[in-house]
Protein backbone atom coordinates (compact mmCIF):
# COMPACT_ATOMS: atom_id res chain seq x y z
CA UNK A 1 -14.57 -7.10 -21.81
CA UNK A 2 -13.34 -10.50 -22.96
CA UNK A 3 -11.04 -12.61 -20.82
CA UNK A 4 -7.92 -11.88 -22.86
CA UNK A 5 -8.42 -8.12 -22.52
CA UNK A 6 -9.21 -8.53 -18.82
CA UNK A 7 -6.02 -10.50 -18.22
CA UNK A 8 -4.04 -7.85 -20.10
CA UNK A 9 -5.58 -5.16 -17.90
CA UNK A 10 -4.63 -7.09 -14.75
CA UNK A 11 -1.09 -7.58 -16.05
CA UNK A 12 -0.85 -3.85 -16.73
CA UNK A 13 -2.06 -3.15 -13.19
CA UNK A 14 0.64 -5.43 -11.82
CA UNK A 15 3.37 -3.74 -13.87
CA UNK A 16 2.20 -0.27 -12.84
CA UNK A 17 2.09 -1.33 -9.21
CA UNK A 18 5.56 -2.82 -9.45
CA UNK A 19 7.26 0.48 -10.39
CA UNK A 20 9.67 1.04 -7.44
CA UNK A 21 9.38 4.81 -7.16
CA UNK A 22 11.50 5.05 -4.02
CA UNK A 23 14.40 3.29 -5.72
CA UNK A 24 13.90 5.27 -8.94
CA UNK A 25 13.85 8.64 -7.15
CA UNK A 26 16.74 7.65 -4.89
CA UNK A 27 18.93 6.89 -7.88
CA UNK A 28 17.67 9.92 -9.80
CA UNK A 29 18.75 12.24 -6.99
CA UNK A 30 21.94 10.35 -6.20
CA UNK A 31 20.77 9.11 -2.80
CA UNK A 32 21.82 5.48 -3.18
CA UNK A 33 19.82 2.27 -2.91
CA UNK A 34 17.03 2.49 -0.33
CA UNK A 35 17.12 -1.28 0.17
CA UNK A 36 20.49 -0.96 1.92
CA UNK A 37 19.15 1.51 4.51
CA UNK A 38 17.12 0.97 7.67
CA UNK A 39 14.52 -1.76 7.31
CA UNK A 40 15.38 -2.30 3.64
CA UNK A 41 11.78 -1.61 2.70
CA UNK A 42 11.04 0.46 -0.40
CA UNK A 43 8.14 2.25 1.27
CA UNK A 44 7.82 5.94 2.10
CA UNK A 45 8.61 5.47 5.80
CA UNK A 46 12.03 4.02 5.06
CA UNK A 47 12.45 6.67 2.35
CA UNK A 48 11.90 9.32 5.02
CA UNK A 49 14.77 7.88 7.04
CA UNK A 50 17.10 7.62 4.07
CA UNK A 51 16.15 10.51 1.82
CA UNK A 52 14.34 13.08 3.95
CA UNK A 53 10.79 14.43 3.82
CA UNK A 54 10.68 15.85 0.27
CA UNK A 55 11.51 12.61 -1.55
CA UNK A 56 9.54 10.58 0.99
CA UNK A 57 6.38 12.62 0.29
CA UNK A 58 6.93 12.21 -3.46
CA UNK A 59 7.30 8.44 -3.00
CA UNK A 60 4.13 8.34 -0.90
CA UNK A 61 2.10 10.22 -3.51
CA UNK A 62 3.42 8.14 -6.42
CA UNK A 63 2.77 4.88 -4.55
CA UNK A 64 -0.80 5.96 -3.81
CA UNK A 65 -1.33 6.98 -7.43
CA UNK A 66 -0.05 3.70 -8.85
CA UNK A 67 -2.63 1.88 -6.74
CA UNK A 68 -5.48 4.26 -7.48
CA UNK A 69 -4.86 4.67 -11.24
CA UNK A 70 -5.73 1.16 -12.51
CA UNK A 71 -8.79 0.91 -10.28
CA UNK A 72 -9.98 4.39 -11.26
CA UNK A 73 -9.47 3.57 -14.96
CA UNK A 74 -11.32 0.28 -14.59
CA UNK A 75 -14.23 2.08 -12.95
CA UNK A 76 -14.20 4.78 -15.62
CA UNK A 77 -14.38 2.08 -18.30
CA UNK A 78 -17.26 0.53 -16.36
CA UNK A 79 -15.59 -2.86 -16.17
CA UNK A 80 -17.13 -5.71 -14.26
CA UNK A 81 -16.37 -5.51 -10.53
CA UNK A 82 -14.50 -8.79 -10.69
CA UNK A 83 -11.96 -7.20 -13.04
CA UNK A 84 -11.79 -4.11 -10.85
CA UNK A 85 -11.10 -6.21 -7.76
CA UNK A 86 -8.44 -8.28 -9.50
CA UNK A 87 -6.75 -5.14 -10.85
CA UNK A 88 -6.67 -3.72 -7.33
CA UNK A 89 -5.01 -6.80 -5.87
CA UNK A 90 -2.58 -7.00 -8.82
CA UNK A 91 -1.36 -3.45 -8.21
CA UNK A 92 -0.61 -4.17 -4.54
CA UNK A 93 1.04 -7.51 -5.35
CA UNK A 94 3.19 -5.71 -7.93
CA UNK A 95 4.35 -3.22 -5.30
CA UNK A 96 5.22 -5.96 -2.81
CA UNK A 97 6.80 -8.38 -5.29
CA UNK A 98 8.23 -6.23 -8.06
CA UNK A 99 10.03 -7.90 -10.98
CA UNK A 100 12.24 -4.79 -11.10
CA UNK A 101 13.52 -5.62 -7.61
CA UNK A 102 13.98 -9.36 -7.93
CA UNK A 103 10.36 -9.94 -6.86
CA UNK A 104 10.81 -8.07 -3.62
CA UNK A 105 9.50 -4.63 -2.69
CA UNK A 106 7.56 -2.65 -0.14
CA UNK A 107 4.77 -3.53 2.25
CA UNK A 108 1.83 -2.37 0.21
CA UNK A 109 0.40 0.26 2.53
CA UNK A 110 0.40 3.37 0.31
CA UNK A 111 -0.50 1.41 -2.82
CA UNK A 112 -3.24 -0.39 -0.89
CA UNK A 113 -4.55 2.95 0.30
CA UNK A 114 -4.65 4.19 -3.29
CA UNK A 115 -6.58 1.10 -4.30
CA UNK A 116 -9.03 1.62 -1.43
CA UNK A 117 -9.88 5.25 -2.14
CA UNK A 118 -10.29 4.50 -5.85
CA UNK A 119 -12.74 1.75 -4.92
CA UNK A 120 -14.76 4.02 -2.67
CA UNK A 121 -13.60 7.51 -1.61
CA UNK A 122 -15.03 7.11 1.89
CA UNK A 123 -12.20 4.65 2.59
CA UNK A 124 -10.06 7.81 2.83
CA UNK A 125 -11.31 8.09 6.41
CA UNK A 126 -8.89 5.29 7.25
CA UNK A 127 -5.97 7.72 6.97
CA UNK A 128 -7.44 9.69 9.89
CA UNK A 129 -7.46 6.55 12.01
CA UNK A 130 -3.95 5.69 10.85
CA UNK A 131 -2.65 9.15 11.76
CA UNK A 132 -4.26 8.87 15.18
CA UNK A 133 -2.67 5.49 15.88
CA UNK A 134 0.75 6.74 14.78
CA UNK A 135 0.39 9.86 16.93
CA UNK A 136 -0.59 7.85 20.02
CA UNK A 137 1.71 4.82 19.68
CA UNK A 138 4.48 6.14 17.36
CA UNK A 139 4.29 2.79 15.53
CA UNK A 140 3.75 3.21 11.79
CA UNK A 141 3.69 -0.55 11.33
CA UNK A 142 0.90 -1.03 13.88
CA UNK A 143 -1.16 1.74 12.29
CA UNK A 144 -0.67 0.21 8.85
CA UNK A 145 -1.81 -3.23 9.99
CA UNK A 146 -4.81 -1.97 11.94
CA UNK A 147 -6.02 0.26 9.10
CA UNK A 148 -5.60 -2.45 6.45
CA UNK A 149 -7.70 -4.82 8.52
CA UNK A 150 -10.12 -2.00 9.38
CA UNK A 151 -10.79 -1.22 5.71
CA UNK A 152 -11.48 -4.90 5.03
CA UNK A 153 -13.90 -5.01 7.97
CA UNK A 154 -15.65 -1.80 6.85
CA UNK A 155 -15.99 -3.21 3.34
CA UNK A 156 -17.53 -6.38 4.75
CA UNK A 157 -20.04 -4.45 6.84
CA UNK A 158 -21.10 -2.33 3.88
CA UNK A 159 -21.42 -5.40 1.66
CA UNK A 160 -23.61 -7.11 4.25
CA UNK A 161 -25.75 -3.98 4.31
CA UNK A 162 -26.08 -4.16 0.53
CA UNK A 163 -24.31 -0.83 0.08
CA UNK A 164 -21.42 -2.03 -2.08
CA UNK A 165 -20.27 -4.93 -4.20
CA UNK A 166 -18.88 -8.09 -2.62
CA UNK A 167 -15.94 -7.94 -5.01
CA UNK A 168 -14.76 -4.85 -3.10
CA UNK A 169 -14.79 -6.82 0.16
CA UNK A 170 -12.90 -9.72 -1.39
CA UNK A 171 -10.31 -7.39 -2.95
CA UNK A 172 -9.74 -5.34 0.20
CA UNK A 173 -9.57 -8.50 2.30
CA UNK A 174 -6.89 -9.89 -0.04
CA UNK A 175 -4.99 -6.58 0.15
CA UNK A 176 -5.19 -6.69 3.96
CA UNK A 177 -3.77 -10.22 3.98
CA UNK A 178 -0.86 -9.11 1.78
CA UNK A 179 -0.14 -6.09 3.99
CA UNK A 180 -0.25 -8.12 7.21
CA UNK A 181 1.99 -10.78 5.67
CA UNK A 182 4.52 -8.18 4.56
CA UNK A 183 4.55 -6.83 8.12
CA UNK A 184 5.16 -10.21 9.75
CA UNK A 185 8.64 -9.20 10.95
CA UNK A 186 7.22 -5.98 12.38
CA UNK A 187 4.59 -8.02 14.20
CA UNK A 188 7.31 -10.15 15.76
CA UNK A 189 9.16 -7.04 16.91
CA UNK A 190 5.97 -5.49 18.25
CA UNK A 191 5.29 -8.60 20.31
CA UNK A 192 8.86 -8.53 21.60
CA UNK A 193 8.72 -4.79 22.36
CA UNK A 194 11.57 -4.15 19.93
CA UNK A 195 9.77 -2.32 17.13
CA UNK A 196 11.23 1.07 16.26
CA UNK A 197 9.06 4.14 16.70
CA UNK A 198 8.78 7.30 14.66
CA UNK A 199 9.91 10.66 15.99
CA UNK A 200 7.98 13.72 14.89
CA UNK A 201 10.88 16.01 15.61
CA UNK A 202 14.05 14.32 14.45
CA UNK A 203 12.88 12.04 11.64
CA UNK A 204 11.65 8.54 11.21
CA UNK A 205 12.84 5.50 13.11
CA UNK A 206 10.13 3.10 12.16
CA UNK A 207 10.73 -0.14 10.35
CA UNK A 208 7.33 -0.11 8.67
């Protein structure tokens, strides 16, 4: 792949990642603008609070897919791992800073997860850890941060062991940095003991 084609592929990954599915579905079903509800995030957790479980699950799936699709396509086309890594980061950046939302957006968790499992399916194990943390602490934001960092650490360990490409480690580390940065307000609330928790019976109250 030449550089011009590679840059076009990265741009396409960014645009795909920037599609604000929560806002699109909210308007499609007459639910209003998600950004005016709860934490103002366009992620599936805030969608659960505003729209209920059905739309929230749809948002979650679509956000995962828009992260996984460009990486999976790049791997199918057998592109160089540098292009694959850049496409992965571009998709997450698009979700977090979408031109369709005035360069604002969500926190990159679901899209980052899609990127991770398209890189290597065994990263899917992170969702088990994330579910466990949410179940124990009721903090979606904490689980998101821990799992993002955890995937980057796992990628580093596997790269050191020679079991995967270093571009994967660099990409997942960059994704983790983006996710942690987007959760900086949650981190402040966690430190102050003011972060909202999620209820498994009455709906979501998390700001993640």
